[in-house]
Amino acid sequence: MKKNFSRVPAWSRTVGIFLFLLSSQPLRAHVIVGELEKMSTANAALVYLQLGYTHILPLGFDHILFVLSLFLLSPKLKPVLWQATAFTIAHSVTLGLAMYHVITPPTRIVEPLIAVSIMYVALENIFSPRLKASRVGVVFLFGLVHGMGFAGALGRLGLPQDAYLLSLVMFNLGVELGQLTIILLAYFLLAKWFGNKPYYRKAFVIPLSIIIATIAGFWTVQRILF
């Protein structure tokens, strides 16, 4: 006996399509976009909000390390939120431009640059004892690069034509919520307890930044060569 798909609750279809989209190969993404176009605009927007969030947590390990690198040097919410704001504005610009085909950034260049950006920030944490005002500008430039990376991931998923802009905005909002989650977790798990300690830099900033820089350096070589 055939099941009537229309009788399946809307929330269940939304969750099912989200999970399938998350696990499917890029070549099958256009099939799922077709399903999304049959959904209500609100449900499709929810799917892209979830996809944006999971692109950071738990799937975006490189972006997680970048946000943590921003946080480590000055473990107070205000400085990292200023940096995060600059990063958000920048990646929103390039994400939008790329998805509307104004720019077509090559993945073979963007992905190594993302790794370089992580390594740069981590090395700055090691060699600079305090946060410089110029870092906001540097973060903005790196945000432009990361936005191209987000566009590559979103481009492989596709966007429903009848809710193109809304889905794009919701994906970006999901990314921001993911980044904010990382910042708040880092604050309450680390900075709140150790941020004001005299040994914070020696015990946390330098060792963690060395680990992050090493991983990012490996990624840089890997992404250039392979």
Protein backbone atom coordinates (compact mmCIF):
# COMPACT_ATOMS: atom_id res chain seq x y z
CA MET A 1 0.00 0.00 0.00
CA LYS A 2 1.47 3.37 -1.05
CA LYS A 3 1.94 6.01 1.57
CA ASN A 4 0.51 9.45 0.91
CA PHE A 5 3.47 11.84 1.31
CA SER A 6 1.09 14.78 1.70
CA ARG A 7 -0.23 13.29 4.95
CA VAL A 8 3.21 13.33 6.54
CA PRO A 9 3.42 16.24 9.03
CA ALA A 10 5.19 19.32 7.68
CA TRP A 11 7.76 19.31 10.47
CA SER A 12 8.61 15.67 9.76
CA ARG A 13 9.15 16.37 6.06
CA THR A 14 11.32 19.35 6.96
CA VAL A 15 13.54 17.31 9.27
CA GLY A 16 13.72 14.43 6.81
CA ILE A 17 14.74 16.64 3.89
CA PHE A 18 17.28 18.46 6.09
CA LEU A 19 18.92 15.19 7.14
CA PHE A 20 18.95 13.89 3.58
CA LEU A 21 20.42 17.15 2.29
CA LEU A 22 23.08 17.03 4.96
CA SER A 23 24.12 13.49 4.11
CA SER A 24 23.62 13.51 0.32
CA GLN A 25 26.30 13.90 -2.33
CA PRO A 26 26.44 17.21 -4.24
CA LEU A 27 25.27 15.54 -7.48
CA ARG A 28 21.97 14.73 -5.83
CA ALA A 29 21.42 18.15 -4.32
CA HIS A 30 19.26 19.37 -7.22
CA VAL A 31 16.78 16.60 -6.45
CA ILE A 32 16.44 17.81 -2.86
CA VAL A 33 16.11 21.43 -3.98
CA GLY A 34 13.17 20.27 -6.08
CA GLU A 35 11.60 18.84 -2.94
CA LEU A 36 12.29 22.05 -1.04
CA GLU A 37 10.45 24.02 -3.70
CA LYS A 38 7.33 21.97 -2.89
CA MET A 39 7.55 22.97 0.77
CA SER A 40 6.25 26.16 2.32
CA THR A 41 8.65 29.09 2.30
CA ALA A 42 8.90 28.97 6.10
CA ASN A 43 9.86 25.29 6.16
CA ALA A 44 12.43 25.71 3.39
CA ALA A 45 13.92 28.67 5.27
CA LEU A 46 14.17 26.53 8.40
CA VAL A 47 16.08 23.86 6.48
CA TYR A 48 18.65 26.42 5.28
CA LEU A 49 18.96 27.90 8.77
CA GLN A 50 19.82 24.43 10.05
CA LEU A 51 22.22 23.81 7.17
CA GLY A 52 24.05 27.07 7.88
CA TYR A 53 24.38 26.17 11.54
CA THR A 54 25.64 22.64 10.92
CA HIS A 55 28.09 23.96 8.32
CA ILE A 56 29.82 25.50 11.36
CA LEU A 57 28.83 23.07 14.12
CA PRO A 58 29.79 20.29 13.91
CA LEU A 59 30.99 20.11 10.29
CA GLY A 60 33.09 23.27 9.88
CA PHE A 61 36.25 22.33 11.78
CA ASP A 62 38.34 24.91 9.90
CA HIS A 63 35.85 27.69 10.67
CA ILE A 64 35.66 26.56 14.30
CA LEU A 65 39.45 26.90 14.61
CA PHE A 66 39.35 30.33 12.99
CA VAL A 67 36.74 31.64 15.45
CA LEU A 68 38.63 30.12 18.39
CA SER A 69 41.82 31.80 17.19
CA LEU A 70 40.02 35.14 17.17
CA PHE A 71 38.82 34.51 20.70
CA LEU A 72 42.03 33.33 22.32
CA LEU A 73 44.14 36.48 22.22
CA SER A 74 41.65 38.67 24.05
CA PRO A 75 39.15 36.41 25.85
CA LYS A 76 36.54 39.09 26.44
CA LEU A 77 33.22 39.16 24.66
CA LYS A 78 33.39 42.75 23.39
CA PRO A 79 36.67 42.47 21.41
CA VAL A 80 35.76 39.12 19.87
CA LEU A 81 32.28 40.36 18.98
CA TRP A 82 33.83 43.34 17.16
CA GLN A 83 36.00 40.92 15.22
CA ALA A 84 33.06 38.61 14.60
CA THR A 85 31.01 41.56 13.31
CA ALA A 86 33.72 42.49 10.80
CA PHE A 87 33.97 38.84 9.78
CA THR A 88 30.19 38.60 9.38
CA ILE A 89 29.90 41.69 7.18
CA ALA A 90 32.75 40.51 4.98
CA HIS A 91 31.62 36.93 4.43
CA SER A 92 28.03 38.07 3.87
CA VAL A 93 29.25 40.25 0.98
CA THR A 94 31.22 37.55 -0.82
CA LEU A 95 28.64 34.86 -0.08
CA GLY A 96 25.94 36.98 -1.70
CA LEU A 97 28.11 38.00 -4.66
CA ALA A 98 29.15 34.42 -5.33
CA MET A 99 25.63 32.99 -5.05
CA TYR A 100 24.35 35.63 -7.49
CA HIS A 101 27.27 34.76 -9.82
CA VAL A 102 28.80 38.22 -9.67
CA ILE A 103 32.08 36.56 -8.72
CA THR A 104 33.21 32.97 -9.33
CA PRO A 105 36.01 32.23 -6.86
CA PRO A 106 37.99 29.05 -7.69
CA THR A 107 37.92 26.47 -4.91
CA ARG A 108 41.57 25.51 -5.50
CA ILE A 109 42.54 29.04 -4.40
CA VAL A 110 39.87 29.75 -1.77
CA GLU A 111 40.38 26.61 0.33
CA PRO A 112 44.16 27.08 0.81
CA LEU A 113 43.56 30.77 1.63
CA ILE A 114 41.09 29.79 4.34
CA ALA A 115 43.77 27.56 5.87
CA VAL A 116 46.32 30.39 5.59
CA SER A 117 43.93 32.77 7.37
CA ILE A 118 43.63 30.38 10.30
CA MET A 119 47.40 29.94 10.49
CA TYR A 120 47.98 33.71 10.31
CA VAL A 121 45.62 34.50 13.19
CA ALA A 122 47.05 31.67 15.31
CA LEU A 123 50.62 32.87 14.70
CA GLU A 124 49.63 36.41 15.56
CA ASN A 125 48.29 35.10 18.86
CA ILE A 126 51.72 33.58 19.55
CA PHE A 127 53.89 36.55 18.61
CA SER A 128 51.64 39.44 19.64
CA PRO A 129 51.00 39.76 23.39
CA ARG A 130 48.02 42.08 22.93
CA LEU A 131 45.19 42.71 20.52
CA LYS A 132 45.97 45.32 17.85
CA ALA A 133 43.40 47.64 16.32
CA SER A 134 44.50 46.54 12.86
CA ARG A 135 43.24 43.02 13.55
CA VAL A 136 39.66 44.02 12.75
CA GLY A 137 40.75 44.97 9.23
CA VAL A 138 42.69 41.74 8.83
CA VAL A 139 39.68 39.74 10.02
CA PHE A 140 37.49 41.59 7.52
CA LEU A 141 39.79 40.60 4.66
CA PHE A 142 39.81 36.99 5.81
CA GLY A 143 36.03 37.13 6.13
CA LEU A 144 35.84 37.88 2.41
CA VAL A 145 37.75 34.67 1.77
CA HIS A 146 35.65 32.57 4.14
CA GLY A 147 32.48 33.88 2.49
CA MET A 148 33.69 32.40 -0.78
CA GLY A 149 34.14 29.09 1.03
CA PHE A 150 30.59 29.28 2.39
CA ALA A 151 29.38 30.01 -1.15
CA GLY A 152 31.15 26.91 -2.44
CA ALA A 153 29.37 24.73 0.11
CA LEU A 154 26.00 26.39 -0.49
CA GLY A 155 26.47 26.22 -4.24
CA ARG A 156 26.87 22.44 -4.05
CA LEU A 157 23.60 22.25 -2.11
CA GLY A 158 21.66 24.61 -4.34
CA LEU A 159 18.91 27.08 -3.49
CA PRO A 160 15.17 26.87 -4.24
CA GLN A 161 14.32 29.42 -6.94
CA ASP A 162 11.06 30.56 -5.35
CA ALA A 163 12.82 31.40 -2.07
CA TYR A 164 16.34 32.10 -3.28
CA LEU A 165 17.09 35.26 -1.29
CA LEU A 166 15.33 34.11 1.88
CA SER A 167 17.15 30.76 1.85
CA LEU A 168 20.46 32.55 1.29
CA VAL A 169 19.80 34.89 4.22
CA MET A 170 18.73 32.00 6.47
CA PHE A 171 21.82 29.98 5.59
CA ASN A 172 23.96 33.00 6.50
CA LEU A 173 22.02 33.47 9.74
CA GLY A 174 22.63 29.82 10.58
CA VAL A 175 26.36 30.38 10.06
CA GLU A 176 26.22 33.34 12.46
CA LEU A 177 24.39 31.34 15.10
CA GLY A 178 27.02 28.63 14.79
CA GLN A 179 29.83 31.16 15.26
CA LEU A 180 28.05 32.75 18.21
CA THR A 181 27.68 29.33 19.81
CA ILE A 182 31.46 28.79 19.53
CA ILE A 183 32.18 32.20 21.08
CA LEU A 184 29.81 31.64 24.00
CA LEU A 185 31.10 28.12 24.63
CA ALA A 186 34.68 29.38 24.62
CA TYR A 187 33.75 32.17 27.00
CA PHE A 188 31.88 30.07 29.54
CA LEU A 189 34.21 27.06 29.38
CA LEU A 190 37.53 28.91 29.29
CA ALA A 191 37.60 32.69 29.52
CA LYS A 192 35.15 33.09 32.39
CA TRP A 193 37.37 30.97 34.64
CA PHE A 194 40.88 31.61 33.36
CA GLY A 195 40.80 34.74 31.19
CA ASN A 196 41.99 37.05 33.99
CA LYS A 197 44.62 34.70 35.38
CA PRO A 198 48.28 35.75 34.99
CA TYR A 199 49.11 32.38 33.45
CA TYR A 200 46.31 32.52 30.84
CA ARG A 201 48.55 33.44 27.92
CA LYS A 202 51.30 30.96 28.78
CA ALA A 203 48.99 28.09 29.68
CA PHE A 204 46.27 28.52 27.05
CA VAL A 205 46.86 31.10 24.32
CA ILE A 206 50.31 29.98 23.17
CA PRO A 207 49.84 26.16 23.38
CA LEU A 208 46.42 26.20 21.74
CA SER A 209 47.57 28.64 19.05
CA ILE A 210 50.57 26.44 18.26
CA ILE A 211 48.24 23.46 17.80
CA ILE A 212 45.89 25.48 15.59
CA ALA A 213 48.75 26.93 13.52
CA THR A 214 50.20 23.44 13.00
CA ILE A 215 46.87 22.03 11.84
CA ALA A 216 46.28 25.02 9.55
CA GLY A 217 49.78 24.72 8.13
CA PHE A 218 49.14 21.07 7.30
CA TRP A 219 45.82 21.99 5.67
CA THR A 220 47.53 24.69 3.60
CA VAL A 221 50.04 22.24 2.16
CA GLN A 222 47.39 19.55 1.70
CA ARG A 223 44.98 21.87 -0.10
CA ILE A 224 47.68 23.24 -2.39
CA LEU A 225 49.07 19.85 -3.34
CA PHE A 226 45.91 17.78 -3.39
